[in-house]
Amino acid sequence: MTPLPKAAVLIADKGYDSDRLRKALAERGIKSCIPGRANRKEPIVYDTELYKRRNLIERLFGRLKDWRRIATRYDRCAHTFYSAICIAATVSFWL
């Protein structure tokens, strides 16, 4: 298994709001951009402009799931699957 790349910021939705996750990210030197849930007693401060960028990633995944080959992962090899993602992303956003 290959190690995950270094990350500077984790952008996630309210479903990932937990003190345990925030602590684990802080120990690794990763900033968290996660809005607090409505039932939190103390509001969480996060970068709202950065959080708005999350929408771009969500739309990308939505468009990629339109391609059946990618949504069901037909390809066995990782490099072939990655190539299919690149082609789908290029076609989806070029046209």
PDB file of N, CA and C in Angstrom:
ATOM      1  N   MET A   1       0.844  -1.177   0.000  1.00  0.00           N
ATOM      2  CA  MET A   1       0.000   0.000   0.000  1.00  0.00           C
ATOM      3  C   MET A   1       0.887   1.236   0.000  1.00  0.00           C
ATOM      4  N   THR A   2       0.560   2.175  -0.868  1.00  0.00           N
ATOM      5  CA  THR A   2       1.357   3.387  -0.957  1.00  0.00           C
ATOM      6  C   THR A   2       0.925   4.383   0.119  1.00  0.00           C
ATOM      7  N   PRO A   3       1.862   5.135   0.651  1.00  0.00           N
ATOM      8  CA  PRO A   3       1.492   6.120   1.682  1.00  0.00           C
ATOM      9  C   PRO A   3       0.695   7.265   1.063  1.00  0.00           C
ATOM     10  N   LEU A   4      -0.132   7.867   1.854  1.00  0.00           N
ATOM     11  CA  LEU A   4      -0.929   8.995   1.400  1.00  0.00           C
ATOM     12  C   LEU A   4      -0.044  10.226   1.219  1.00  0.00           C
ATOM     13  N   PRO A   5      -0.381  11.084   0.273  1.00  0.00           N
ATOM     14  CA  PRO A   5       0.429  12.295   0.094  1.00  0.00           C
ATOM     15  C   PRO A   5       0.256  13.253   1.264  1.00  0.00           C
ATOM     16  N   LYS A   6       1.228  14.114   1.433  1.00  0.00           N
ATOM     17  CA  LYS A   6       1.178  15.117   2.496  1.00  0.00           C
ATOM     18  C   LYS A   6       0.034  16.086   2.212  1.00  0.00           C
ATOM     19  N   ALA A   7      -0.689  16.450   3.233  1.00  0.00           N
ATOM     20  CA  ALA A   7      -1.807  17.380   3.086  1.00  0.00           C
ATOM     21  C   ALA A   7      -1.600  18.547   4.032  1.00  0.00           C
ATOM     22  N   ALA A   8      -2.009  19.729   3.590  1.00  0.00           N
ATOM     23  CA  ALA A   8      -1.916  20.912   4.430  1.00  0.00           C
ATOM     24  C   ALA A   8      -3.240  21.197   5.117  1.00  0.00           C
ATOM     25  N   VAL A   9      -4.350  20.924   4.416  1.00  0.00           N
ATOM     26  CA  VAL A   9      -5.683  21.232   4.934  1.00  0.00           C
ATOM     27  C   VAL A   9      -6.626  20.088   4.587  1.00  0.00           C
ATOM     28  N   LEU A  10      -7.510  19.746   5.503  1.00  0.00           N
ATOM     29  CA  LEU A  10      -8.579  18.789   5.242  1.00  0.00           C
ATOM     30  C   LEU A  10      -9.887  19.565   5.206  1.00  0.00           C
ATOM     31  N   ILE A  11     -10.564  19.505   4.059  1.00  0.00           N
ATOM     32  CA  ILE A  11     -11.861  20.170   3.910  1.00  0.00           C
ATOM     33  C   ILE A  11     -12.919  19.077   3.936  1.00  0.00           C
ATOM     34  N   ALA A  12     -13.848  19.165   4.877  1.00  0.00           N
ATOM     35  CA  ALA A  12     -14.888  18.146   5.006  1.00  0.00           C
ATOM     36  C   ALA A  12     -16.193  18.788   5.439  1.00  0.00           C
ATOM     37  N   ASP A  13     -17.281  18.024   5.343  1.00  0.00           N
ATOM     38  CA  ASP A  13     -18.582  18.570   5.739  1.00  0.00           C
ATOM     39  C   ASP A  13     -18.836  18.310   7.220  1.00  0.00           C
ATOM     40  N   LYS A  14     -20.013  18.699   7.675  1.00  0.00           N
ATOM     41  CA  LYS A  14     -20.350  18.623   9.102  1.00  0.00           C
ATOM     42  C   LYS A  14     -20.359  17.199   9.642  1.00  0.00           C
ATOM     43  N   GLY A  15     -20.496  16.229   8.769  1.00  0.00           N
ATOM     44  CA  GLY A  15     -20.497  14.838   9.204  1.00  0.00           C
ATOM     45  C   GLY A  15     -19.180  14.400   9.824  1.00  0.00           C
ATOM     46  N   TYR A  16     -18.110  15.107   9.521  1.00  0.00           N
ATOM     47  CA  TYR A  16     -16.792  14.772  10.056  1.00  0.00           C
ATOM     48  C   TYR A  16     -16.404  15.623  11.248  1.00  0.00           C
ATOM     49  N   ASP A  17     -17.345  16.366  11.785  1.00  0.00           N
ATOM     50  CA  ASP A  17     -17.057  17.234  12.924  1.00  0.00           C
ATOM     51  C   ASP A  17     -16.949  16.413  14.203  1.00  0.00           C
ATOM     52  N   SER A  18     -15.726  16.223  14.676  1.00  0.00           N
ATOM     53  CA  SER A  18     -15.510  15.573  15.965  1.00  0.00           C
ATOM     54  C   SER A  18     -14.187  16.083  16.541  1.00  0.00           C
ATOM     55  N   ASP A  19     -14.156  16.182  17.840  1.00  0.00           N
ATOM     56  CA  ASP A  19     -12.938  16.652  18.508  1.00  0.00           C
ATOM     57  C   ASP A  19     -11.798  15.658  18.303  1.00  0.00           C
ATOM     58  N   ARG A  20     -12.124  14.390  18.234  1.00  0.00           N
ATOM     59  CA  ARG A  20     -11.109  13.349  18.061  1.00  0.00           C
ATOM     60  C   ARG A  20     -10.405  13.497  16.705  1.00  0.00           C
ATOM     61  N   LEU A  21     -11.181  13.732  15.647  1.00  0.00           N
ATOM     62  CA  LEU A  21     -10.586  13.918  14.319  1.00  0.00           C
ATOM     63  C   LEU A  21      -9.764  15.200  14.273  1.00  0.00           C
ATOM     64  N   ARG A  22     -10.283  16.260  14.842  1.00  0.00           N
ATOM     65  CA  ARG A  22      -9.547  17.528  14.849  1.00  0.00           C
ATOM     66  C   ARG A  22      -8.217  17.393  15.582  1.00  0.00           C
ATOM     67  N   LYS A  23      -8.214  16.652  16.681  1.00  0.00           N
ATOM     68  CA  LYS A  23      -6.986  16.439  17.443  1.00  0.00           C
ATOM     69  C   LYS A  23      -5.977  15.619  16.637  1.00  0.00           C
ATOM     70  N   ALA A  24      -6.452  14.564  15.965  1.00  0.00           N
ATOM     71  CA  ALA A  24      -5.568  13.721  15.163  1.00  0.00           C
ATOM     72  C   ALA A  24      -4.951  14.517  14.006  1.00  0.00           C
ATOM     73  N   LEU A  25      -5.742  15.388  13.396  1.00  0.00           N
ATOM     74  CA  LEU A  25      -5.218  16.216  12.312  1.00  0.00           C
ATOM     75  C   LEU A  25      -4.179  17.208  12.838  1.00  0.00           C
ATOM     76  N   ALA A  26      -4.460  17.809  13.972  1.00  0.00           N
ATOM     77  CA  ALA A  26      -3.530  18.776  14.556  1.00  0.00           C
ATOM     78  C   ALA A  26      -2.198  18.114  14.922  1.00  0.00           C
ATOM     79  N   GLU A  27      -2.239  16.876  15.378  1.00  0.00           N
ATOM     80  CA  GLU A  27      -1.008  16.153  15.715  1.00  0.00           C
ATOM     81  C   GLU A  27      -0.149  15.912  14.484  1.00  0.00           C
ATOM     82  N   ARG A  28      -0.781  15.790  13.332  1.00  0.00           N
ATOM     83  CA  ARG A  28      -0.052  15.573  12.076  1.00  0.00           C
ATOM     84  C   ARG A  28       0.286  16.882  11.370  1.00  0.00           C
ATOM     85  N   GLY A  29      -0.104  18.007  11.960  1.00  0.00           N
ATOM     86  CA  GLY A  29       0.193  19.300  11.365  1.00  0.00           C
ATOM     87  C   GLY A  29      -0.733  19.668  10.215  1.00  0.00           C
ATOM     88  N   ILE A  30      -1.924  19.101  10.197  1.00  0.00           N
ATOM     89  CA  ILE A  30      -2.896  19.369   9.142  1.00  0.00           C
ATOM     90  C   ILE A  30      -3.989  20.266   9.705  1.00  0.00           C
ATOM     91  N   LYS A  31      -4.286  21.351   8.997  1.00  0.00           N
ATOM     92  CA  LYS A  31      -5.366  22.239   9.416  1.00  0.00           C
ATOM     93  C   LYS A  31      -6.701  21.622   9.008  1.00  0.00           C
ATOM     94  N   SER A  32      -7.727  21.866   9.792  1.00  0.00           N
ATOM     95  CA  SER A  32      -9.049  21.340   9.456  1.00  0.00           C
ATOM     96  C   SER A  32      -9.978  22.484   9.070  1.00  0.00           C
ATOM     97  N   CYS A  33     -10.695  22.276   7.996  1.00  0.00           N
ATOM     98  CA  CYS A  33     -11.706  23.230   7.534  1.00  0.00           C
ATOM     99  C   CYS A  33     -13.037  22.479   7.544  1.00  0.00           C
ATOM    100  N   ILE A  34     -13.568  22.294   8.739  1.00  0.00           N
ATOM    101  CA  ILE A  34     -14.792  21.532   8.949  1.00  0.00           C
ATOM    102  C   ILE A  34     -15.750  22.392   9.768  1.00  0.00           C
ATOM    103  N   PRO A  35     -16.920  22.712   9.221  1.00  0.00           N
ATOM    104  CA  PRO A  35     -17.867  23.489  10.030  1.00  0.00           C
ATOM    105  C   PRO A  35     -18.409  22.645  11.178  1.00  0.00           C
ATOM    106  N   GLY A  36     -18.748  23.292  12.265  1.00  0.00           N
ATOM    107  CA  GLY A  36     -19.281  22.587  13.419  1.00  0.00           C
ATOM    108  C   GLY A  36     -20.746  22.214  13.224  1.00  0.00           C
ATOM    109  N   ARG A  37     -21.146  21.150  13.888  1.00  0.00           N
ATOM    110  CA  ARG A  37     -22.551  20.746  13.834  1.00  0.00           C
ATOM    111  C   ARG A  37     -23.415  21.756  14.586  1.00  0.00           C
ATOM    112  N   ALA A  38     -24.698  21.704  14.321  1.00  0.00           N
ATOM    113  CA  ALA A  38     -25.628  22.659  14.924  1.00  0.00           C
ATOM    114  C   ALA A  38     -25.741  22.468  16.437  1.00  0.00           C
ATOM    115  N   ASN A  39     -25.507  21.254  16.933  1.00  0.00           N
ATOM    116  CA  ASN A  39     -25.679  21.000  18.364  1.00  0.00           C
ATOM    117  C   ASN A  39     -24.405  21.243  19.183  1.00  0.00           C
ATOM    118  N   ARG A  40     -23.369  21.821  18.587  1.00  0.00           N
ATOM    119  CA  ARG A  40     -22.149  22.144  19.328  1.00  0.00           C
ATOM    120  C   ARG A  40     -22.391  23.312  20.259  1.00  0.00           C
ATOM    121  N   LYS A  41     -21.874  23.208  21.463  1.00  0.00           N
ATOM    122  CA  LYS A  41     -22.066  24.292  22.436  1.00  0.00           C
ATOM    123  C   LYS A  41     -21.161  25.478  22.128  1.00  0.00           C
ATOM    124  N   GLU A  42     -19.940  25.198  21.689  1.00  0.00           N
ATOM    125  CA  GLU A  42     -19.021  26.257  21.300  1.00  0.00           C
ATOM    126  C   GLU A  42     -18.866  26.221  19.779  1.00  0.00           C
ATOM    127  N   PRO A  43     -19.131  27.336  19.101  1.00  0.00           N
ATOM    128  CA  PRO A  43     -19.006  27.333  17.642  1.00  0.00           C
ATOM    129  C   PRO A  43     -17.558  27.138  17.196  1.00  0.00           C
ATOM    130  N   ILE A  44     -17.390  26.462  16.084  1.00  0.00           N
ATOM    131  CA  ILE A  44     -16.076  26.196  15.516  1.00  0.00           C
ATOM    132  C   ILE A  44     -15.763  27.275  14.486  1.00  0.00           C
ATOM    133  N   VAL A  45     -14.563  27.805  14.551  1.00  0.00           N
ATOM    134  CA  VAL A  45     -14.120  28.800  13.575  1.00  0.00           C
ATOM    135  C   VAL A  45     -13.429  28.057  12.435  1.00  0.00           C
ATOM    136  N   TYR A  46     -13.854  28.335  11.201  1.00  0.00           N
ATOM    137  CA  TYR A  46     -13.251  27.712  10.027  1.00  0.00           C
ATOM    138  C   TYR A  46     -13.254  28.719   8.888  1.00  0.00           C
ATOM    139  N   ASP A  47     -12.446  28.471   7.877  1.00  0.00           N
ATOM    140  CA  ASP A  47     -12.312  29.365   6.730  1.00  0.00           C
ATOM    141  C   ASP A  47     -13.476  29.133   5.766  1.00  0.00           C
ATOM    142  N   THR A  48     -14.433  30.046   5.730  1.00  0.00           N
ATOM    143  CA  THR A  48     -15.632  29.859   4.905  1.00  0.00           C
ATOM    144  C   THR A  48     -15.319  29.939   3.415  1.00  0.00           C
ATOM    145  N   GLU A  49     -14.353  30.764   3.035  1.00  0.00           N
ATOM    146  CA  GLU A  49     -14.002  30.870   1.609  1.00  0.00           C
ATOM    147  C   GLU A  49     -13.362  29.573   1.116  1.00  0.00           C
ATOM    148  N   LEU A  50     -12.520  28.975   1.925  1.00  0.00           N
ATOM    149  CA  LEU A  50     -11.908  27.700   1.560  1.00  0.00           C
ATOM    150  C   LEU A  50     -12.956  26.596   1.511  1.00  0.00           C
ATOM    151  N   TYR A  51     -13.897  26.635   2.423  1.00  0.00           N
ATOM    152  CA  TYR A  51     -14.950  25.617   2.453  1.00  0.00           C
ATOM    153  C   TYR A  51     -15.829  25.688   1.201  1.00  0.00           C
ATOM    154  N   LYS A  52     -16.006  26.881   0.650  1.00  0.00           N
ATOM    155  CA  LYS A  52     -16.804  27.021  -0.571  1.00  0.00           C
ATOM    156  C   LYS A  52     -16.150  26.304  -1.752  1.00  0.00           C
ATOM    157  N   ARG A  53     -14.834  26.171  -1.732  1.00  0.00           N
ATOM    158  CA  ARG A  53     -14.129  25.460  -2.806  1.00  0.00           C
ATOM    159  C   ARG A  53     -14.450  23.970  -2.817  1.00  0.00           C
ATOM    160  N   ARG A  54     -14.910  23.455  -1.701  1.00  0.00           N
ATOM    161  CA  ARG A  54     -15.254  22.044  -1.602  1.00  0.00           C
ATOM    162  C   ARG A  54     -16.312  21.675  -2.632  1.00  0.00           C
ATOM    163  N   ASN A  55     -17.169  22.631  -2.969  1.00  0.00           N
ATOM    164  CA  ASN A  55     -18.219  22.401  -3.947  1.00  0.00           C
ATOM    165  C   ASN A  55     -17.639  21.990  -5.301  1.00  0.00           C
ATOM    166  N   LEU A  56     -16.497  22.542  -5.680  1.00  0.00           N
ATOM    167  CA  LEU A  56     -15.869  22.168  -6.948  1.00  0.00           C
ATOM    168  C   LEU A  56     -15.511  20.686  -6.976  1.00  0.00           C
ATOM    169  N   ILE A  57     -14.982  20.199  -5.867  1.00  0.00           N
ATOM    170  CA  ILE A  57     -14.603  18.788  -5.780  1.00  0.00           C
ATOM    171  C   ILE A  57     -15.850  17.904  -5.827  1.00  0.00           C
ATOM    172  N   GLU A  58     -16.900  18.303  -5.128  1.00  0.00           N
ATOM    173  CA  GLU A  58     -18.148  17.535  -5.124  1.00  0.00           C
ATOM    174  C   GLU A  58     -18.736  17.442  -6.528  1.00  0.00           C
ATOM    175  N   ARG A  59     -18.700  18.547  -7.280  1.00  0.00           N
ATOM    176  CA  ARG A  59     -19.220  18.521  -8.643  1.00  0.00           C
ATOM    177  C   ARG A  59     -18.370  17.644  -9.544  1.00  0.00           C
ATOM    178  N   LEU A  60     -17.044  17.649  -9.336  1.00  0.00           N
ATOM    179  CA  LEU A  60     -16.163  16.796 -10.126  1.00  0.00           C
ATOM    180  C   LEU A  60     -16.525  15.333  -9.927  1.00  0.00           C
ATOM    181  N   PHE A  61     -16.686  14.909  -8.669  1.00  0.00           N
ATOM    182  CA  PHE A  61     -17.045  13.523  -8.408  1.00  0.00           C
ATOM    183  C   PHE A  61     -18.426  13.192  -8.969  1.00  0.00           C
ATOM    184  N   GLY A  62     -19.347  14.135  -8.913  1.00  0.00           N
ATOM    185  CA  GLY A  62     -20.670  13.915  -9.485  1.00  0.00           C
ATOM    186  C   GLY A  62     -20.608  13.670 -10.982  1.00  0.00           C
ATOM    187  N   ARG A  63     -19.786  14.434 -11.667  1.00  0.00           N
ATOM    188  CA  ARG A  63     -19.643  14.248 -13.112  1.00  0.00           C
ATOM    189  C   ARG A  63     -18.918  12.953 -13.443  1.00  0.00           C
ATOM    190  N   LEU A  64     -17.920  12.607 -12.648  1.00  0.00           N
ATOM    191  CA  LEU A  64     -17.194  11.369 -12.917  1.00  0.00           C
ATOM    192  C   LEU A  64     -18.081  10.139 -12.704  1.00  0.00           C
ATOM    193  N   LYS A  65     -19.028  10.230 -11.796  1.00  0.00           N
ATOM    194  CA  LYS A  65     -19.920   9.094 -11.551  1.00  0.00           C
ATOM    195  C   LYS A  65     -20.897   8.870 -12.695  1.00  0.00           C
ATOM    196  N   ASP A  66     -21.038   9.857 -13.584  1.00  0.00           N
ATOM    197  CA  ASP A  66     -21.855   9.661 -14.777  1.00  0.00           C
ATOM    198  C   ASP A  66     -21.223   8.643 -15.716  1.00  0.00           C
ATOM    199  N   TRP A  67     -19.944   8.452 -15.600  1.00  0.00           N
ATOM    200  CA  TRP A  67     -19.230   7.474 -16.418  1.00  0.00           C
ATOM    201  C   TRP A  67     -19.300   6.125 -15.693  1.00  0.00           C
ATOM    202  N   ARG A  68     -20.031   5.211 -16.252  1.00  0.00           N
ATOM    203  CA  ARG A  68     -20.274   3.919 -15.608  1.00  0.00           C
ATOM    204  C   ARG A  68     -18.981   3.165 -15.333  1.00  0.00           C
ATOM    205  N   ARG A  69     -18.048   3.257 -16.237  1.00  0.00           N
ATOM    206  CA  ARG A  69     -16.774   2.554 -16.086  1.00  0.00           C
ATOM    207  C   ARG A  69     -16.045   2.988 -14.815  1.00  0.00           C
ATOM    208  N   ILE A  70     -16.142   4.269 -14.490  1.00  0.00           N
ATOM    209  CA  ILE A  70     -15.443   4.792 -13.316  1.00  0.00           C
ATOM    210  C   ILE A  70     -16.258   4.519 -12.041  1.00  0.00           C
ATOM    211  N   ALA A  71     -17.562   4.695 -12.123  1.00  0.00           N
ATOM    212  CA  ALA A  71     -18.404   4.503 -10.935  1.00  0.00           C
ATOM    213  C   ALA A  71     -18.345   3.071 -10.424  1.00  0.00           C
ATOM    214  N   THR A  72     -18.206   2.108 -11.334  1.00  0.00           N
ATOM    215  CA  THR A  72     -18.182   0.699 -10.918  1.00  0.00           C
ATOM    216  C   THR A  72     -16.779   0.103 -10.902  1.00  0.00           C
ATOM    217  N   ARG A  73     -15.790   0.887 -11.282  1.00  0.00           N
ATOM    218  CA  ARG A  73     -14.378   0.468 -11.295  1.00  0.00           C
ATOM    219  C   ARG A  73     -14.187  -0.844 -12.053  1.00  0.00           C
ATOM    220  N   TYR A  74     -14.416  -0.778 -13.371  1.00  0.00           N
ATOM    221  CA  TYR A  74     -14.232  -1.953 -14.231  1.00  0.00           C
ATOM    222  C   TYR A  74     -12.769  -2.354 -14.347  1.00  0.00           C
ATOM    223  N   ASP A  75     -11.887  -1.396 -14.355  1.00  0.00           N
ATOM    224  CA  ASP A  75     -10.469  -1.665 -14.603  1.00  0.00           C
ATOM    225  C   ASP A  75      -9.815  -2.309 -13.391  1.00  0.00           C
ATOM    226  N   ARG A  76      -8.990  -3.295 -13.654  1.00  0.00           N
ATOM    227  CA  ARG A  76      -8.286  -3.981 -12.561  1.00  0.00           C
ATOM    228  C   ARG A  76      -7.006  -3.257 -12.168  1.00  0.00           C
ATOM    229  N   CYS A  77      -6.300  -2.737 -13.144  1.00  0.00           N
ATOM    230  CA  CYS A  77      -5.021  -2.073 -12.877  1.00  0.00           C
ATOM    231  C   CYS A  77      -5.254  -0.621 -12.471  1.00  0.00           C
ATOM    232  N   ALA A  78      -4.479  -0.172 -11.518  1.00  0.00           N
ATOM    233  CA  ALA A  78      -4.622   1.201 -11.018  1.00  0.00           C
ATOM    234  C   ALA A  78      -4.281   2.223 -12.091  1.00  0.00           C
ATOM    235  N   HIS A  79      -3.252   1.938 -12.898  1.00  0.00           N
ATOM    236  CA  HIS A  79      -2.873   2.918 -13.921  1.00  0.00           C
ATOM    237  C   HIS A  79      -3.926   3.023 -15.025  1.00  0.00           C
ATOM    238  N   THR A  80      -4.611   1.924 -15.347  1.00  0.00           N
ATOM    239  CA  THR A  80      -5.681   1.969 -16.341  1.00  0.00           C
ATOM    240  C   THR A  80      -6.881   2.729 -15.790  1.00  0.00           C
ATOM    241  N   PHE A  81      -7.197   2.508 -14.531  1.00  0.00           N
ATOM    242  CA  PHE A  81      -8.300   3.219 -13.884  1.00  0.00           C
ATOM    243  C   PHE A  81      -8.004   4.720 -13.826  1.00  0.00           C
ATOM    244  N   TYR A  82      -6.771   5.071 -13.476  1.00  0.00           N
ATOM    245  CA  TYR A  82      -6.370   6.476 -13.432  1.00  0.00           C
ATOM    246  C   TYR A  82      -6.471   7.111 -14.819  1.00  0.00           C
ATOM    247  N   SER A  83      -6.092   6.371 -15.853  1.00  0.00           N
ATOM    248  CA  SER A  83      -6.191   6.877 -17.223  1.00  0.00           C
ATOM    249  C   SER A  83      -7.644   7.130 -17.601  1.00  0.00           C
ATOM    250  N   ALA A  84      -8.539   6.242 -17.197  1.00  0.00           N
ATOM    251  CA  ALA A  84      -9.963   6.420 -17.486  1.00  0.00           C
ATOM    252  C   ALA A  84     -10.506   7.654 -16.774  1.00  0.00           C
ATOM    253  N   ILE A  85     -10.055   7.888 -15.546  1.00  0.00           N
ATOM    254  CA  ILE A  85     -10.479   9.090 -14.810  1.00  0.00           C
ATOM    255  C   ILE A  85      -9.993  10.345 -15.526  1.00  0.00           C
ATOM    256  N   CYS A  86      -8.756  10.337 -16.001  1.00  0.00           N
ATOM    257  CA  CYS A  86      -8.218  11.501 -16.710  1.00  0.00           C
ATOM    258  C   CYS A  86      -8.986  11.779 -17.989  1.00  0.00           C
ATOM    259  N   ILE A  87      -9.317  10.733 -18.732  1.00  0.00           N
ATOM    260  CA  ILE A  87     -10.080  10.902 -19.966  1.00  0.00           C
ATOM    261  C   ILE A  87     -11.481  11.440 -19.664  1.00  0.00           C
ATOM    262  N   ALA A  88     -12.128  10.851 -18.671  1.00  0.00           N
ATOM    263  CA  ALA A  88     -13.484  11.299 -18.305  1.00  0.00           C
ATOM    264  C   ALA A  88     -13.484  12.739 -17.831  1.00  0.00           C
ATOM    265  N   ALA A  89     -12.511  13.110 -17.021  1.00  0.00           N
ATOM    266  CA  ALA A  89     -12.437  14.482 -16.523  1.00  0.00           C
ATOM    267  C   ALA A  89     -12.180  15.453 -17.665  1.00  0.00           C
ATOM    268  N   THR A  90     -11.317  15.080 -18.592  1.00  0.00           N
ATOM    269  CA  THR A  90     -11.023  15.936 -19.731  1.00  0.00           C
ATOM    270  C   THR A  90     -12.256  16.132 -20.599  1.00  0.00           C
ATOM    271  N   VAL A  91     -12.948  15.055 -20.912  1.00  0.00           N
ATOM    272  CA  VAL A  91     -14.146  15.142 -21.755  1.00  0.00           C
ATOM    273  C   VAL A  91     -15.257  15.905 -21.043  1.00  0.00           C
ATOM    274  N   SER A  92     -15.454  15.643 -19.755  1.00  0.00           N
ATOM    275  CA  SER A  92     -16.530  16.290 -19.010  1.00  0.00           C
ATOM    276  C   SER A  92     -16.353  17.799 -18.910  1.00  0.00           C
ATOM    277  N   PHE A  93     -15.128  18.232 -18.697  1.00  0.00           N
ATOM    278  CA  PHE A  93     -14.900  19.662 -18.491  1.00  0.00           C
ATOM    279  C   PHE A  93     -14.486  20.396 -19.747  1.00  0.00           C
ATOM    280  N   TRP A  94     -14.057  19.676 -20.783  1.00  0.00           N
ATOM    281  CA  TRP A  94     -13.681  20.306 -22.023  1.00  0.00           C
ATOM    282  C   TRP A  94     -14.926  20.661 -22.823  1.00  0.00           C
ATOM    283  N   LEU A  95     -15.908  19.762 -22.795  1.00  0.00           N
ATOM    284  CA  LEU A  95     -17.111  19.960 -23.620  1.00  0.00           C
ATOM    285  C   LEU A  95     -18.203  20.698 -22.933  1.00  0.00           C
TER     286      LEU A  95
END
